[in-house]
Structures are given as structure tokens and as C-alpha cells.
Amino acid sequence: MLKFFQFSETISGTTFFLRFLFTILLSLPFIFILGMLNLNFLIESGLDISDPSSLDSAMLDISENPEKFRSDLWSYVSTGWFISLIISIIPPIWFYLATCYKRITALFYENRKNLFASLVAFELTSDAIGLGFFGSLPEIVGYVFSIVSLLILIFLIFKNSKIDKDDHEG
């Protein structure tokens, strides 16, 4: 089991795709905890679960003033919630990074470290743009980064490596 999280060996495109899907599965606890955090915050903010109209009014309040919702939610997050979120997101991130490193090693052994660092920098920038950390950028920039990220994923899946399919050991 430890070899799946190590930054060594190589993997084929098929294994890369399956490990990418497993990364999504590993992310489910984080998504569940994040959903529970939001639900608990909304309930403690006065949302009545038995009254459907209260949900509509809560969503309307959030859409009218998202900055207030974010600041209230951030002030609601306790140390326990924060630690739970961090602990639940570390395994999928580590697994995804190890998966990308193994695939890049299979495709570009000589330049694997530089290409891996470039991929991580690109993905971090893409995520930051997608999450709105660079609010002054035009919306098209986010679309371009998303399309390039998708093209990189497709390349890593379908590009044949020089290593025989049966010789991958990652």
C-alpha cells in the first residue's frame, strides 16, 4: 500500500487514469466534511430544515451577499473543523501528486523533476484562478487554464511511454 503514495517507479496511462479516478474517491471524505460544515453553519444561522421556504431565503441571502456569507462561515470554523478538513484533504493531494510524478517519470525520465515542478505550479495557478484568488483577471483566463489543464490530463493518459506496459512497477 505504501508504494502507491511514494514518488518512485513509473505507471502506464491506464493506471494513471484509474489512479486519477481513485483520487476522486479519496476526496469524498473531504467533500462530506465540507458539506456537513456548511449544513451545520446554515442550521445554526437559523435555517429551519422542516420549512422549505427558509432554504430559499437562505440561498437568496447568500447570493445577494456572498462576501458576508464567506466571512461568517470562516468565523464559524473551529479548530476541530479545520483539522478535520486538513486531515481529509492530505491523502488525495499526496496520492494525486505521486500519481502525476510516476506518469511524468514514465514519459520524460530525464526531465521529470522540472516537468513535475512545472505541472504543480501550473495546477496551483489554475486552481487559484478557478477559486477567484486573482479576481481582477478576465473570465476567459480561467477557461483557458481549465482547457489547458484538461489537455495535459489527456496527454498524460494517452501518450505512450518508451517503457513496455508490463514493465511499469508503480
C-alpha atoms as a PDB file:
ATOM      1  CA  MET A   1       0.000   0.000   0.000  1.00  0.00           C
ATOM      2  CA  LEU A   2       2.884   2.340   0.743  1.00  0.00           C
ATOM      3  CA  LYS A   3       4.162   2.151  -2.852  1.00  0.00           C
ATOM      4  CA  PHE A   4       1.009   3.903  -4.084  1.00  0.00           C
ATOM      5  CA  PHE A   5       1.982   7.047  -2.155  1.00  0.00           C
ATOM      6  CA  GLN A   6       5.719   7.006  -2.952  1.00  0.00           C
ATOM      7  CA  PHE A   7       7.369   9.247  -5.507  1.00  0.00           C
ATOM      8  CA  SER A   8       9.207   6.465  -7.325  1.00  0.00           C
ATOM      9  CA  GLU A   9       8.701   3.962 -10.160  1.00  0.00           C
ATOM     10  CA  THR A  10       6.506   4.505 -13.227  1.00  0.00           C
ATOM     11  CA  ILE A  11       2.906   3.859 -14.276  1.00  0.00           C
ATOM     12  CA  SER A  12       1.107   3.373 -17.587  1.00  0.00           C
ATOM     13  CA  GLY A  13      -1.590   5.658 -18.964  1.00  0.00           C
ATOM     14  CA  THR A  14      -4.344   3.230 -17.982  1.00  0.00           C
ATOM     15  CA  THR A  15      -3.045   3.021 -14.434  1.00  0.00           C
ATOM     16  CA  PHE A  16      -2.754   6.815 -14.373  1.00  0.00           C
ATOM     17  CA  PHE A  17      -6.418   7.135 -15.370  1.00  0.00           C
ATOM     18  CA  LEU A  18      -7.554   4.590 -12.759  1.00  0.00           C
ATOM     19  CA  ARG A  19      -5.472   6.273 -10.061  1.00  0.00           C
ATOM     20  CA  PHE A  20      -6.941   9.635 -11.103  1.00  0.00           C
ATOM     21  CA  LEU A  21     -10.434   8.193 -10.575  1.00  0.00           C
ATOM     22  CA  PHE A  22      -9.344   6.796  -7.216  1.00  0.00           C
ATOM     23  CA  THR A  23      -8.142  10.279  -6.233  1.00  0.00           C
ATOM     24  CA  ILE A  24     -11.700  11.491  -6.729  1.00  0.00           C
ATOM     25  CA  LEU A  25     -12.887   8.655  -4.492  1.00  0.00           C
ATOM     26  CA  LEU A  26     -10.302   9.613  -1.857  1.00  0.00           C
ATOM     27  CA  SER A  27     -11.680  13.168  -1.939  1.00  0.00           C
ATOM     28  CA  LEU A  28     -15.168  12.102  -0.839  1.00  0.00           C
ATOM     29  CA  PRO A  29     -14.469  12.392   2.919  1.00  0.00           C
ATOM     30  CA  PHE A  30     -13.292  15.987   2.394  1.00  0.00           C
ATOM     31  CA  ILE A  31     -16.415  16.806   0.374  1.00  0.00           C
ATOM     32  CA  PHE A  32     -18.618  15.188   3.032  1.00  0.00           C
ATOM     33  CA  ILE A  33     -16.958  17.113   5.889  1.00  0.00           C
ATOM     34  CA  LEU A  34     -17.179  20.360   3.911  1.00  0.00           C
ATOM     35  CA  GLY A  35     -20.873  19.732   3.261  1.00  0.00           C
ATOM     36  CA  MET A  36     -21.515  18.991   6.930  1.00  0.00           C
ATOM     37  CA  LEU A  37     -19.687  22.178   7.907  1.00  0.00           C
ATOM     38  CA  ASN A  38     -21.875  24.244   5.580  1.00  0.00           C
ATOM     39  CA  LEU A  39     -25.057  22.492   6.726  1.00  0.00           C
ATOM     40  CA  ASN A  40     -24.209  22.970  10.417  1.00  0.00           C
ATOM     41  CA  PHE A  41     -23.417  26.619   9.779  1.00  0.00           C
ATOM     42  CA  LEU A  42     -26.727  27.166   7.985  1.00  0.00           C
ATOM     43  CA  ILE A  43     -28.724  25.372  10.694  1.00  0.00           C
ATOM     44  CA  GLU A  44     -27.059  27.399  13.455  1.00  0.00           C
ATOM     45  CA  SER A  45     -27.671  30.551  11.415  1.00  0.00           C
ATOM     46  CA  GLY A  46     -31.419  29.958  11.626  1.00  0.00           C
ATOM     47  CA  LEU A  47     -32.207  27.626   8.725  1.00  0.00           C
ATOM     48  CA  ASP A  48     -35.310  25.572   9.502  1.00  0.00           C
ATOM     49  CA  ILE A  49     -34.936  22.185   7.801  1.00  0.00           C
ATOM     50  CA  SER A  50     -38.667  21.411   8.055  1.00  0.00           C
ATOM     51  CA  ASP A  51     -39.597  24.627   6.206  1.00  0.00           C
ATOM     52  CA  PRO A  52     -38.509  24.591   2.530  1.00  0.00           C
ATOM     53  CA  SER A  53     -39.062  28.328   2.135  1.00  0.00           C
ATOM     54  CA  SER A  54     -36.343  29.028   4.712  1.00  0.00           C
ATOM     55  CA  LEU A  55     -33.843  27.319   2.402  1.00  0.00           C
ATOM     56  CA  ASP A  56     -34.906  29.596  -0.445  1.00  0.00           C
ATOM     57  CA  SER A  57     -34.486  32.685   1.689  1.00  0.00           C
ATOM     58  CA  ALA A  58     -31.083  31.461   2.957  1.00  0.00           C
ATOM     59  CA  MET A  59     -29.864  30.867  -0.604  1.00  0.00           C
ATOM     60  CA  LEU A  60     -31.160  34.288  -1.630  1.00  0.00           C
ATOM     61  CA  ASP A  61     -29.262  35.907   1.253  1.00  0.00           C
ATOM     62  CA  ILE A  62     -26.086  34.066   0.233  1.00  0.00           C
ATOM     63  CA  SER A  63     -26.417  35.033  -3.422  1.00  0.00           C
ATOM     64  CA  GLU A  64     -27.066  38.684  -2.541  1.00  0.00           C
ATOM     65  CA  ASN A  65     -24.057  38.976  -0.241  1.00  0.00           C
ATOM     66  CA  PRO A  66     -21.533  36.140  -0.763  1.00  0.00           C
ATOM     67  CA  GLU A  67     -18.699  38.030   0.961  1.00  0.00           C
ATOM     68  CA  LYS A  68     -20.706  38.241   4.188  1.00  0.00           C
ATOM     69  CA  PHE A  69     -21.503  34.519   3.944  1.00  0.00           C
ATOM     70  CA  ARG A  70     -17.809  33.656   3.460  1.00  0.00           C
ATOM     71  CA  SER A  71     -16.690  35.829   6.375  1.00  0.00           C
ATOM     72  CA  ASP A  72     -19.419  34.434   8.648  1.00  0.00           C
ATOM     73  CA  LEU A  73     -18.564  30.872   7.619  1.00  0.00           C
ATOM     74  CA  TRP A  74     -14.845  31.477   8.195  1.00  0.00           C
ATOM     75  CA  SER A  75     -15.561  32.841  11.675  1.00  0.00           C
ATOM     76  CA  TYR A  76     -17.736  29.766  12.356  1.00  0.00           C
ATOM     77  CA  VAL A  77     -14.947  27.309  11.500  1.00  0.00           C
ATOM     78  CA  SER A  78     -13.458  25.948  14.700  1.00  0.00           C
ATOM     79  CA  THR A  79     -10.138  24.210  15.185  1.00  0.00           C
ATOM     80  CA  GLY A  80     -11.843  20.801  15.040  1.00  0.00           C
ATOM     81  CA  TRP A  81     -13.457  21.544  11.685  1.00  0.00           C
ATOM     82  CA  PHE A  82     -10.210  22.957  10.345  1.00  0.00           C
ATOM     83  CA  ILE A  83      -8.131  19.947  11.431  1.00  0.00           C
ATOM     84  CA  SER A  84     -10.755  17.555  10.027  1.00  0.00           C
ATOM     85  CA  LEU A  85     -10.696  19.314   6.674  1.00  0.00           C
ATOM     86  CA  ILE A  86      -6.892  19.341   6.517  1.00  0.00           C
ATOM     87  CA  ILE A  87      -6.579  15.675   7.512  1.00  0.00           C
ATOM     88  CA  SER A  88      -9.191  14.627   4.957  1.00  0.00           C
ATOM     89  CA  ILE A  89      -7.600  16.549   2.044  1.00  0.00           C
ATOM     90  CA  ILE A  90      -3.950  15.493   2.541  1.00  0.00           C
ATOM     91  CA  PRO A  91      -4.249  11.859   1.276  1.00  0.00           C
ATOM     92  CA  PRO A  92      -5.937  12.721  -2.049  1.00  0.00           C
ATOM     93  CA  ILE A  93      -3.476  15.535  -2.758  1.00  0.00           C
ATOM     94  CA  TRP A  94      -0.478  13.349  -1.913  1.00  0.00           C
ATOM     95  CA  PHE A  95      -1.859  10.434  -3.964  1.00  0.00           C
ATOM     96  CA  TYR A  96      -2.544  12.713  -6.954  1.00  0.00           C
ATOM     97  CA  LEU A  97       0.939  14.239  -6.797  1.00  0.00           C
ATOM     98  CA  ALA A  98       2.562  10.789  -6.557  1.00  0.00           C
ATOM     99  CA  THR A  99       0.440   9.605  -9.492  1.00  0.00           C
ATOM    100  CA  CYS A 100       1.468  12.563 -11.656  1.00  0.00           C
ATOM    101  CA  TYR A 101       5.122  12.117 -10.716  1.00  0.00           C
ATOM    102  CA  LYS A 102       5.052   8.428 -11.643  1.00  0.00           C
ATOM    103  CA  ARG A 103       3.434   9.139 -15.013  1.00  0.00           C
ATOM    104  CA  ILE A 104       5.799  12.009 -15.816  1.00  0.00           C
ATOM    105  CA  THR A 105       8.707   9.741 -14.864  1.00  0.00           C
ATOM    106  CA  ALA A 106       7.448   7.146 -17.355  1.00  0.00           C
ATOM    107  CA  LEU A 107       7.167   9.717 -20.146  1.00  0.00           C
ATOM    108  CA  PHE A 108      10.095  12.067 -19.507  1.00  0.00           C
ATOM    109  CA  TYR A 109      12.639  10.360 -17.262  1.00  0.00           C
ATOM    110  CA  GLU A 110      15.482  12.828 -17.859  1.00  0.00           C
ATOM    111  CA  ASN A 111      13.453  15.978 -17.137  1.00  0.00           C
ATOM    112  CA  ARG A 112      10.960  14.501 -14.698  1.00  0.00           C
ATOM    113  CA  LYS A 113      11.715  16.819 -11.757  1.00  0.00           C
ATOM    114  CA  ASN A 114      11.500  20.049 -13.771  1.00  0.00           C
ATOM    115  CA  LEU A 115       8.353  18.950 -15.596  1.00  0.00           C
ATOM    116  CA  PHE A 116       6.724  17.802 -12.368  1.00  0.00           C
ATOM    117  CA  ALA A 117       7.508  21.126 -10.672  1.00  0.00           C
ATOM    118  CA  SER A 118       6.119  22.963 -13.708  1.00  0.00           C
ATOM    119  CA  LEU A 119       2.943  20.855 -13.629  1.00  0.00           C
ATOM    120  CA  VAL A 120       2.422  21.509  -9.919  1.00  0.00           C
ATOM    121  CA  ALA A 121       2.987  25.254 -10.409  1.00  0.00           C
ATOM    122  CA  PHE A 122       0.565  25.304 -13.343  1.00  0.00           C
ATOM    123  CA  GLU A 123      -2.105  23.352 -11.443  1.00  0.00           C
ATOM    124  CA  LEU A 124      -1.767  25.603  -8.385  1.00  0.00           C
ATOM    125  CA  THR A 125      -2.116  28.680 -10.576  1.00  0.00           C
ATOM    126  CA  SER A 126      -5.084  27.150 -12.365  1.00  0.00           C
ATOM    127  CA  ASP A 127      -6.776  26.330  -9.063  1.00  0.00           C
ATOM    128  CA  ALA A 128      -6.114  29.815  -7.700  1.00  0.00           C
ATOM    129  CA  ILE A 129      -7.646  31.383 -10.791  1.00  0.00           C
ATOM    130  CA  GLY A 130     -10.614  28.999 -10.655  1.00  0.00           C
ATOM    131  CA  LEU A 131     -11.242  29.802  -6.993  1.00  0.00           C
ATOM    132  CA  GLY A 132     -11.118  33.535  -7.697  1.00  0.00           C
ATOM    133  CA  PHE A 133      -7.918  34.470  -5.875  1.00  0.00           C
ATOM    134  CA  PHE A 134      -6.983  36.627  -8.855  1.00  0.00           C
ATOM    135  CA  GLY A 135     -10.284  38.477  -9.037  1.00  0.00           C
ATOM    136  CA  SER A 136      -9.146  41.134 -11.492  1.00  0.00           C
ATOM    137  CA  LEU A 137      -8.426  38.635 -14.295  1.00  0.00           C
ATOM    138  CA  PRO A 138     -10.904  38.288 -17.153  1.00  0.00           C
ATOM    139  CA  GLU A 139     -13.140  35.217 -17.047  1.00  0.00           C
ATOM    140  CA  ILE A 140     -11.625  33.852 -20.258  1.00  0.00           C
ATOM    141  CA  VAL A 141      -8.303  33.286 -18.462  1.00  0.00           C
ATOM    142  CA  GLY A 142      -9.983  30.750 -16.183  1.00  0.00           C
ATOM    143  CA  TYR A 143     -11.424  28.950 -19.199  1.00  0.00           C
ATOM    144  CA  VAL A 144      -8.048  28.848 -20.914  1.00  0.00           C
ATOM    145  CA  PHE A 145      -6.358  27.418 -17.821  1.00  0.00           C
ATOM    146  CA  SER A 146      -9.114  24.799 -17.475  1.00  0.00           C
ATOM    147  CA  ILE A 147      -8.809  23.729 -21.114  1.00  0.00           C
ATOM    148  CA  VAL A 148      -5.003  23.522 -20.921  1.00  0.00           C
ATOM    149  CA  SER A 149      -5.291  21.518 -17.693  1.00  0.00           C
ATOM    150  CA  LEU A 150      -7.681  19.111 -19.409  1.00  0.00           C
ATOM    151  CA  LEU A 151      -5.327  18.790 -22.390  1.00  0.00           C
ATOM    152  CA  ILE A 152      -2.428  17.981 -20.049  1.00  0.00           C
ATOM    153  CA  LEU A 153      -4.547  15.287 -18.380  1.00  0.00           C
ATOM    154  CA  ILE A 154      -5.480  13.786 -21.759  1.00  0.00           C
ATOM    155  CA  PHE A 155      -1.825  13.867 -22.825  1.00  0.00           C
ATOM    156  CA  LEU A 156      -0.707  12.079 -19.653  1.00  0.00           C
ATOM    157  CA  ILE A 157      -3.376   9.406 -20.164  1.00  0.00           C
ATOM    158  CA  PHE A 158      -2.893   8.669 -23.863  1.00  0.00           C
ATOM    159  CA  LYS A 159       0.811   9.343 -24.559  1.00  0.00           C
ATOM    160  CA  ASN A 160       2.779   6.147 -24.981  1.00  0.00           C
ATOM    161  CA  SER A 161       5.935   5.846 -22.929  1.00  0.00           C
ATOM    162  CA  LYS A 162       9.126   4.114 -24.021  1.00  0.00           C
ATOM    163  CA  ILE A 163       8.640   1.614 -21.209  1.00  0.00           C
ATOM    164  CA  ASP A 164       6.802  -1.595 -22.044  1.00  0.00           C
ATOM    165  CA  LYS A 165       3.339  -1.757 -20.489  1.00  0.00           C
ATOM    166  CA  ASP A 166       4.257  -4.806 -18.389  1.00  0.00           C
ATOM    167  CA  ASP A 167       7.457  -3.190 -17.040  1.00  0.00           C
ATOM    168  CA  HIS A 168       5.771  -0.402 -15.065  1.00  0.00           C
ATOM    169  CA  GLU A 169       6.102  -1.101 -11.345  1.00  0.00           C
ATOM    170  CA  GLY A 170       4.453   1.891  -9.659  1.00  0.00           C
END
